[in-house]
N, C-alpha and C. Protein backbone atom coordinates (compact mmCIF):
# COMPACT_ATOMS: atom_id res chain seq x y z
N MET A 1 119.56 -42.50 72.91
CA MET A 1 118.77 -43.59 74.04
C MET A 1 117.94 -44.30 73.35
N PHE A 2 117.00 -43.82 72.51
CA PHE A 2 115.93 -44.62 72.04
C PHE A 2 116.13 -44.34 70.40
N GLU A 3 116.89 -45.18 69.91
CA GLU A 3 116.95 -44.99 68.40
C GLU A 3 115.65 -45.42 67.76
N LYS A 4 115.35 -46.52 68.02
CA LYS A 4 113.99 -47.11 67.42
C LYS A 4 112.91 -47.51 68.35
N ILE A 5 111.77 -46.89 68.00
CA ILE A 5 110.55 -46.87 68.96
C ILE A 5 109.63 -47.62 68.14
N LEU A 6 108.98 -48.85 68.79
CA LEU A 6 108.09 -49.56 68.17
C LEU A 6 106.74 -48.98 68.78
N LEU A 7 105.81 -48.83 67.72
CA LEU A 7 104.64 -48.18 68.26
C LEU A 7 103.38 -48.81 67.62
N PRO A 8 102.86 -49.95 68.34
CA PRO A 8 101.65 -50.73 67.91
C PRO A 8 100.40 -49.70 67.89
N ILE A 9 99.84 -49.86 66.70
CA ILE A 9 98.59 -48.78 66.62
C ILE A 9 97.40 -49.54 66.34
N SER A 10 96.46 -49.21 67.09
CA SER A 10 95.00 -50.08 66.95
C SER A 10 94.00 -48.99 66.51
N GLY A 11 94.31 -47.66 66.57
CA GLY A 11 93.11 -46.67 66.31
C GLY A 11 92.23 -46.33 67.23
N SER A 12 92.56 -46.87 68.58
CA SER A 12 92.00 -46.57 70.02
C SER A 12 92.59 -45.17 70.29
N ASP A 13 91.72 -44.44 71.03
CA ASP A 13 91.82 -43.06 71.62
C ASP A 13 93.47 -43.25 72.22
N GLU A 14 93.56 -44.39 72.98
CA GLU A 14 94.77 -44.43 73.72
C GLU A 14 95.91 -44.81 72.72
N SER A 15 95.80 -45.40 71.68
CA SER A 15 97.04 -45.69 70.75
C SER A 15 97.41 -44.35 70.29
N ILE A 16 96.47 -43.27 70.00
CA ILE A 16 96.73 -42.14 69.34
C ILE A 16 97.27 -41.28 70.36
N VAL A 17 96.98 -41.25 71.63
CA VAL A 17 97.85 -40.46 72.76
C VAL A 17 99.13 -41.16 72.91
N ALA A 18 99.36 -42.63 72.83
CA ALA A 18 100.74 -43.12 72.59
C ALA A 18 101.60 -42.77 71.50
N ALA A 19 100.90 -42.52 70.25
CA ALA A 19 101.56 -41.96 69.10
C ALA A 19 102.11 -40.67 69.29
N LYS A 20 101.22 -39.79 69.92
CA LYS A 20 101.63 -38.35 70.15
C LYS A 20 102.96 -38.34 71.28
N LEU A 21 102.79 -39.13 72.27
CA LEU A 21 104.11 -39.12 73.12
C LEU A 21 105.26 -39.89 72.41
N ALA A 22 105.08 -40.86 71.57
CA ALA A 22 106.10 -41.44 70.88
C ALA A 22 106.77 -40.30 70.07
N ILE A 23 105.89 -39.63 69.27
CA ILE A 23 106.39 -38.52 68.44
C ILE A 23 107.35 -37.45 69.19
N GLU A 24 106.72 -37.11 70.44
CA GLU A 24 107.43 -36.29 71.45
C GLU A 24 108.88 -36.69 71.91
N LEU A 25 108.99 -37.95 72.12
CA LEU A 25 110.31 -38.69 72.41
C LEU A 25 111.14 -39.05 71.49
N ALA A 26 110.59 -39.23 70.16
CA ALA A 26 111.41 -39.07 68.84
C ALA A 26 112.04 -37.88 68.65
N ILE A 27 111.31 -36.77 68.79
CA ILE A 27 112.04 -35.40 68.60
C ILE A 27 113.16 -35.31 69.62
N VAL A 28 112.97 -35.48 70.99
CA VAL A 28 113.98 -35.19 71.91
C VAL A 28 115.11 -36.11 71.59
N HIS A 29 114.84 -37.53 71.22
CA HIS A 29 115.98 -38.40 70.94
C HIS A 29 116.49 -38.64 69.68
N LYS A 30 115.74 -37.81 68.64
CA LYS A 30 116.04 -38.15 67.39
C LYS A 30 115.90 -39.60 66.85
N SER A 31 114.84 -40.01 67.20
CA SER A 31 114.65 -41.56 67.14
C SER A 31 113.76 -41.68 65.81
N GLN A 32 113.68 -42.93 65.31
CA GLN A 32 112.85 -43.40 64.13
C GLN A 32 111.59 -44.18 64.81
N ILE A 33 110.41 -43.80 64.49
CA ILE A 33 109.32 -44.54 65.16
C ILE A 33 108.99 -45.69 63.83
N ILE A 34 108.75 -46.99 64.38
CA ILE A 34 107.98 -47.97 63.68
C ILE A 34 106.66 -48.06 63.94
N ALA A 35 105.87 -47.69 63.23
CA ALA A 35 104.27 -47.73 63.57
C ALA A 35 103.83 -49.13 63.10
N MET A 36 103.15 -49.86 63.94
CA MET A 36 102.82 -51.18 63.37
C MET A 36 101.32 -51.54 63.84
N ASN A 37 100.44 -52.02 62.80
CA ASN A 37 99.12 -52.53 63.15
C ASN A 37 99.18 -53.93 62.72
N VAL A 38 98.55 -54.77 63.63
CA VAL A 38 98.61 -56.06 63.36
C VAL A 38 97.04 -56.68 63.45
N ILE A 39 96.76 -57.16 62.21
CA ILE A 39 95.40 -57.81 62.13
C ILE A 39 95.38 -59.31 62.78
N ASP A 40 94.70 -59.30 63.68
CA ASP A 40 94.54 -60.44 64.73
C ASP A 40 93.70 -61.49 63.88
N THR A 41 94.51 -62.37 63.55
CA THR A 41 93.96 -63.60 62.60
C THR A 41 92.96 -64.33 63.41
N SER A 42 93.23 -64.34 64.59
CA SER A 42 92.42 -65.29 65.59
C SER A 42 90.80 -64.71 65.77
N SER A 43 90.75 -63.54 65.19
CA SER A 43 89.42 -62.90 65.44
C SER A 43 88.67 -62.92 64.22
N VAL A 44 89.35 -62.75 63.02
CA VAL A 44 88.63 -62.65 61.88
C VAL A 44 87.28 -63.70 61.71
N ARG A 45 87.64 -64.92 61.79
CA ARG A 45 86.52 -65.88 61.72
C ARG A 45 85.20 -65.53 62.63
N GLN A 46 85.71 -65.04 63.91
CA GLN A 46 84.57 -64.60 64.81
C GLN A 46 83.84 -63.48 64.28
N ILE A 47 84.54 -62.46 63.78
CA ILE A 47 83.87 -61.23 63.26
C ILE A 47 83.10 -61.60 62.09
N ALA A 48 83.56 -62.55 61.18
CA ALA A 48 82.96 -62.93 59.87
C ALA A 48 81.47 -63.56 60.33
N ARG A 49 81.48 -64.56 61.35
CA ARG A 49 80.36 -65.24 61.58
C ARG A 49 79.30 -63.94 62.22
N ALA A 50 79.81 -63.23 63.14
CA ALA A 50 78.96 -62.29 63.60
C ALA A 50 78.28 -61.27 62.50
N SER A 51 79.04 -60.96 61.65
CA SER A 51 78.85 -60.02 60.67
C SER A 51 78.06 -60.42 59.41
N GLY A 52 78.10 -61.71 59.14
CA GLY A 52 77.66 -62.46 58.05
C GLY A 52 78.56 -62.17 56.44
N LYS A 53 79.60 -61.68 56.89
CA LYS A 53 80.51 -61.63 55.90
C LYS A 53 81.47 -62.63 55.74
N THR A 54 82.34 -62.98 54.70
CA THR A 54 83.36 -63.80 54.50
C THR A 54 84.66 -63.43 55.17
N PRO A 55 85.31 -64.40 55.83
CA PRO A 55 86.72 -64.05 56.31
C PRO A 55 87.57 -63.08 55.52
N GLY A 56 87.49 -63.47 54.29
CA GLY A 56 88.18 -62.66 53.26
C GLY A 56 87.75 -60.96 53.18
N GLU A 57 86.49 -60.86 53.15
CA GLU A 57 86.05 -59.48 53.33
C GLU A 57 86.33 -58.73 54.65
N ILE A 58 86.46 -59.58 55.70
CA ILE A 58 86.79 -59.06 57.13
C ILE A 58 88.32 -58.68 56.99
N GLU A 59 88.95 -59.55 56.38
CA GLU A 59 90.42 -59.21 56.31
C GLU A 59 90.82 -58.03 55.69
N ILE A 60 90.06 -57.99 54.45
CA ILE A 60 90.23 -56.79 53.69
C ILE A 60 89.65 -55.36 54.26
N GLU A 61 88.74 -55.38 55.18
CA GLU A 61 88.25 -54.42 55.97
C GLU A 61 89.23 -54.01 57.02
N LEU A 62 89.65 -54.89 57.67
CA LEU A 62 90.66 -54.96 58.76
C LEU A 62 92.00 -54.23 58.27
N GLU A 63 92.51 -54.60 57.11
CA GLU A 63 93.74 -54.31 56.47
C GLU A 63 93.48 -52.69 56.12
N GLU A 64 92.59 -52.35 55.40
CA GLU A 64 91.96 -50.97 55.03
C GLU A 64 92.04 -49.93 56.36
N ASN A 65 91.35 -50.58 57.59
CA ASN A 65 91.37 -49.71 58.74
C ASN A 65 92.70 -49.57 59.26
N GLY A 66 93.54 -50.76 59.19
CA GLY A 66 94.92 -50.77 59.80
C GLY A 66 95.63 -49.56 58.96
N TRP A 67 95.78 -49.59 57.79
CA TRP A 67 96.36 -48.63 56.92
C TRP A 67 95.90 -47.22 57.29
N HIS A 68 94.52 -47.01 57.55
CA HIS A 68 94.00 -45.74 57.77
C HIS A 68 94.70 -45.15 59.00
N HIS A 69 94.63 -45.89 60.10
CA HIS A 69 95.32 -45.52 61.41
C HIS A 69 96.86 -45.34 61.29
N LEU A 70 97.71 -46.17 60.35
CA LEU A 70 98.90 -46.01 60.36
C LEU A 70 99.07 -44.68 59.50
N TYR A 71 98.40 -44.45 58.45
CA TYR A 71 98.53 -43.21 57.65
C TYR A 71 98.39 -41.97 58.51
N PHE A 72 97.48 -41.92 59.37
CA PHE A 72 97.20 -40.90 60.41
C PHE A 72 98.24 -40.63 61.13
N VAL A 73 98.94 -41.68 61.78
CA VAL A 73 100.13 -41.56 62.52
C VAL A 73 101.38 -40.78 61.72
N GLU A 74 101.37 -41.47 60.61
CA GLU A 74 102.56 -41.06 59.63
C GLU A 74 102.50 -39.57 59.35
N GLU A 75 101.18 -39.07 59.18
CA GLU A 75 101.07 -37.39 59.00
C GLU A 75 101.28 -36.81 60.19
N LEU A 76 101.23 -37.27 61.56
CA LEU A 76 101.59 -36.70 62.80
C LEU A 76 103.00 -36.61 62.95
N ALA A 77 103.66 -37.88 62.36
CA ALA A 77 105.19 -37.87 62.56
C ALA A 77 105.84 -36.77 61.60
N LYS A 78 105.32 -36.90 60.23
CA LYS A 78 105.82 -35.95 59.37
C LYS A 78 105.65 -34.38 59.52
N ASP A 79 104.62 -34.25 60.21
CA ASP A 79 104.22 -32.72 60.73
C ASP A 79 105.33 -32.30 61.60
N ASN A 80 105.89 -33.28 62.28
CA ASN A 80 106.97 -32.84 63.43
C ASN A 80 108.55 -33.36 62.90
N ASN A 81 108.58 -33.50 61.64
CA ASN A 81 109.88 -34.00 60.97
C ASN A 81 110.51 -35.14 61.81
N VAL A 82 109.66 -36.23 62.02
CA VAL A 82 110.08 -37.46 62.77
C VAL A 82 110.19 -38.50 61.62
N ARG A 83 111.08 -39.25 61.52
CA ARG A 83 111.27 -40.45 60.81
C ARG A 83 110.45 -41.56 61.27
N ILE A 84 109.63 -42.13 60.18
CA ILE A 84 108.63 -43.10 60.58
C ILE A 84 108.57 -44.32 59.53
N GLN A 85 108.44 -45.44 59.84
CA GLN A 85 108.15 -46.55 59.11
C GLN A 85 106.89 -47.15 59.23
N LEU A 86 106.11 -47.59 58.27
CA LEU A 86 104.69 -48.22 58.60
C LEU A 86 104.99 -49.71 58.38
N LEU A 87 104.28 -50.54 59.21
CA LEU A 87 104.08 -52.03 59.01
C LEU A 87 102.67 -52.52 59.47
N LEU A 88 102.25 -53.43 58.50
CA LEU A 88 100.92 -53.91 58.68
C LEU A 88 101.33 -55.51 58.42
N GLU A 89 100.69 -56.07 59.56
CA GLU A 89 101.10 -57.50 59.69
C GLU A 89 99.82 -58.21 60.23
N GLN A 90 99.96 -59.59 60.00
CA GLN A 90 98.76 -60.43 60.29
C GLN A 90 99.32 -61.66 61.25
N GLY A 91 98.60 -61.91 62.33
CA GLY A 91 98.85 -62.92 63.43
C GLY A 91 98.28 -62.32 64.66
N LEU A 92 98.92 -63.07 65.56
CA LEU A 92 98.46 -62.84 67.03
C LEU A 92 99.32 -61.39 67.47
N PRO A 93 98.57 -60.30 67.84
CA PRO A 93 99.28 -59.19 68.01
C PRO A 93 100.49 -59.20 68.96
N GLN A 94 100.31 -59.98 70.18
CA GLN A 94 101.42 -60.00 71.13
C GLN A 94 102.57 -60.69 70.51
N GLU A 95 102.52 -61.69 69.84
CA GLU A 95 103.50 -62.41 69.18
C GLU A 95 104.11 -61.61 68.02
N ARG A 96 103.40 -60.89 67.26
CA ARG A 96 103.81 -60.17 66.20
C ARG A 96 104.80 -58.87 66.73
N ILE A 97 104.27 -58.24 67.82
CA ILE A 97 104.85 -57.17 68.33
C ILE A 97 106.17 -57.47 69.09
N LEU A 98 106.20 -58.57 69.71
CA LEU A 98 107.43 -58.88 70.44
C LEU A 98 108.46 -59.47 69.40
N ARG A 99 108.11 -60.21 68.22
CA ARG A 99 109.02 -60.41 67.25
C ARG A 99 109.47 -59.58 66.26
N LYS A 100 108.66 -58.46 66.19
CA LYS A 100 109.22 -57.34 65.30
C LYS A 100 110.22 -56.47 66.14
N ALA A 101 109.88 -56.35 67.56
CA ALA A 101 110.65 -55.54 68.47
C ALA A 101 112.03 -56.19 68.42
N LYS A 102 112.10 -57.49 68.52
CA LYS A 102 113.38 -58.18 68.50
C LYS A 102 114.21 -57.76 67.07
N GLU A 103 113.26 -58.26 65.92
CA GLU A 103 113.85 -58.29 64.41
C GLU A 103 114.55 -56.80 64.33
N LEU A 104 113.87 -55.80 64.78
CA LEU A 104 114.40 -54.35 64.59
C LEU A 104 115.04 -53.63 65.61
N ASN A 105 115.38 -54.66 66.67
CA ASN A 105 116.47 -54.04 67.75
C ASN A 105 115.62 -52.94 68.27
N ALA A 106 114.45 -52.94 68.42
CA ALA A 106 113.69 -51.65 69.06
C ALA A 106 114.41 -51.32 70.55
N ASN A 107 114.40 -50.10 70.71
CA ASN A 107 114.95 -49.75 72.06
C ASN A 107 113.76 -49.37 73.10
N LEU A 108 112.39 -49.37 72.42
CA LEU A 108 111.50 -48.90 73.46
C LEU A 108 110.11 -49.39 72.70
N ILE A 109 109.31 -49.98 73.26
CA ILE A 109 107.90 -50.28 72.90
C ILE A 109 106.92 -49.39 73.40
N ILE A 110 105.96 -48.77 72.95
CA ILE A 110 105.00 -47.75 73.62
C ILE A 110 103.74 -48.42 73.31
N LEU A 111 102.84 -48.68 74.18
CA LEU A 111 101.50 -49.40 73.84
C LEU A 111 100.50 -48.45 74.70
N GLY A 112 99.51 -48.25 73.86
CA GLY A 112 98.24 -47.35 74.56
C GLY A 112 97.40 -48.57 75.20
N GLN A 113 97.16 -48.24 76.39
CA GLN A 113 96.14 -49.40 77.09
C GLN A 113 94.73 -48.87 76.86
N SER A 114 93.83 -49.65 76.41
CA SER A 114 92.62 -49.33 76.16
C SER A 114 91.58 -50.24 77.28
N SER A 115 90.65 -49.54 77.58
CA SER A 115 89.70 -50.37 78.54
C SER A 115 88.88 -51.31 78.04
N LYS A 116 89.26 -51.41 76.79
CA LYS A 116 88.33 -52.57 75.91
C LYS A 116 89.27 -53.86 76.01
N ARG A 117 88.44 -54.96 75.74
CA ARG A 117 89.31 -56.35 75.86
C ARG A 117 90.29 -56.22 74.62
N GLY A 118 91.23 -56.96 74.79
CA GLY A 118 92.21 -57.27 73.66
C GLY A 118 91.91 -58.50 72.79
N THR A 119 92.88 -59.36 72.71
CA THR A 119 92.74 -60.41 71.87
C THR A 119 91.41 -61.31 72.24
N PRO A 120 90.73 -61.80 71.58
CA PRO A 120 89.55 -62.66 72.17
C PRO A 120 90.05 -63.82 73.08
N GLY A 121 89.56 -63.84 74.44
CA GLY A 121 89.96 -64.78 75.34
C GLY A 121 91.12 -64.26 76.22
N MET A 122 91.61 -63.23 75.85
CA MET A 122 92.78 -62.63 76.61
C MET A 122 92.36 -61.35 77.12
N ALA A 123 92.33 -61.17 78.48
CA ALA A 123 91.81 -59.74 78.82
C ALA A 123 93.18 -58.93 78.45
N LEU A 124 92.76 -57.61 78.33
CA LEU A 124 93.87 -56.75 78.02
C LEU A 124 94.94 -56.53 78.82
N ASP A 125 94.64 -56.63 80.11
CA ASP A 125 95.66 -56.59 81.08
C ASP A 125 96.77 -57.70 81.09
N ARG A 126 96.02 -58.87 80.73
CA ARG A 126 97.02 -60.18 80.23
C ARG A 126 97.71 -59.92 79.11
N PHE A 127 97.23 -59.28 78.11
CA PHE A 127 98.04 -58.99 76.91
C PHE A 127 99.21 -58.17 77.14
N ILE A 128 98.99 -56.94 78.01
CA ILE A 128 100.04 -56.03 78.15
C ILE A 128 101.01 -56.69 79.22
N GLN A 129 100.45 -57.71 80.19
CA GLN A 129 101.34 -58.44 81.02
C GLN A 129 102.24 -59.19 80.29
N PHE A 130 101.66 -59.91 79.24
CA PHE A 130 102.54 -60.84 78.35
C PHE A 130 103.68 -59.99 77.68
N ILE A 131 103.33 -58.83 77.26
CA ILE A 131 104.34 -58.04 76.34
C ILE A 131 105.27 -57.55 77.36
N LEU A 132 104.89 -57.13 78.61
CA LEU A 132 105.88 -56.72 79.64
C LEU A 132 106.79 -57.73 80.10
N GLU A 133 106.40 -58.99 79.96
CA GLU A 133 107.00 -60.13 80.61
C GLU A 133 108.00 -60.53 79.57
N GLN A 134 107.85 -60.55 78.27
CA GLN A 134 108.39 -61.26 77.23
C GLN A 134 109.45 -60.08 76.56
N ALA A 135 109.31 -58.78 76.56
CA ALA A 135 109.89 -58.03 75.73
C ALA A 135 111.35 -57.86 76.11
N LEU A 136 112.10 -57.79 75.15
CA LEU A 136 113.73 -57.57 75.56
C LEU A 136 114.12 -56.22 75.64
N CYS A 137 113.21 -55.15 75.47
CA CYS A 137 113.46 -53.80 75.72
C CYS A 137 112.27 -53.04 76.56
N PRO A 138 112.67 -51.85 77.16
CA PRO A 138 111.38 -51.30 77.97
C PRO A 138 110.22 -51.22 77.28
N VAL A 139 109.30 -51.24 78.01
CA VAL A 139 107.71 -50.85 77.38
C VAL A 139 107.30 -49.89 78.23
N LEU A 140 106.66 -48.97 77.77
CA LEU A 140 106.00 -47.93 78.14
C LEU A 140 104.52 -48.00 77.89
N ILE A 141 103.69 -48.15 78.88
CA ILE A 141 102.15 -48.20 78.86
C ILE A 141 101.48 -46.84 78.87
N ILE A 142 100.63 -46.43 78.12
CA ILE A 142 100.04 -45.16 77.97
C ILE A 142 98.45 -45.44 78.30
N LYS A 143 98.05 -44.82 79.24
CA LYS A 143 96.63 -44.96 79.68
C LYS A 143 95.67 -43.58 79.01
């Protein structure tokens, strides 16, 4: 039923809970998980200004953090003999998630809902609402 599960990973507690559920579903359905971290390019300059670092330094830090979170989920999947693919992308998260789901013919998107704000200027519930409205496959929201 769910051959490919797209799992956006942010490193939040909720995204880790979502990853654990994705792994359980992948075991039952013999699915492949595509774990994805998106560096939000719209926030790089804002973070750079606030931190006094260059946008390049911020991008490197975000990339390193993204891979750290992805490798953590990869270990969880491997410990459970679940096939997993890792992706790190740059852009607006909601656009990248939807584009990748379509490109990969994902059968399910699993999102961890955090109480924090999402993309600057877009409340997290609007971010999730956008994904729910635009996705071509089912979307599971984990709180």
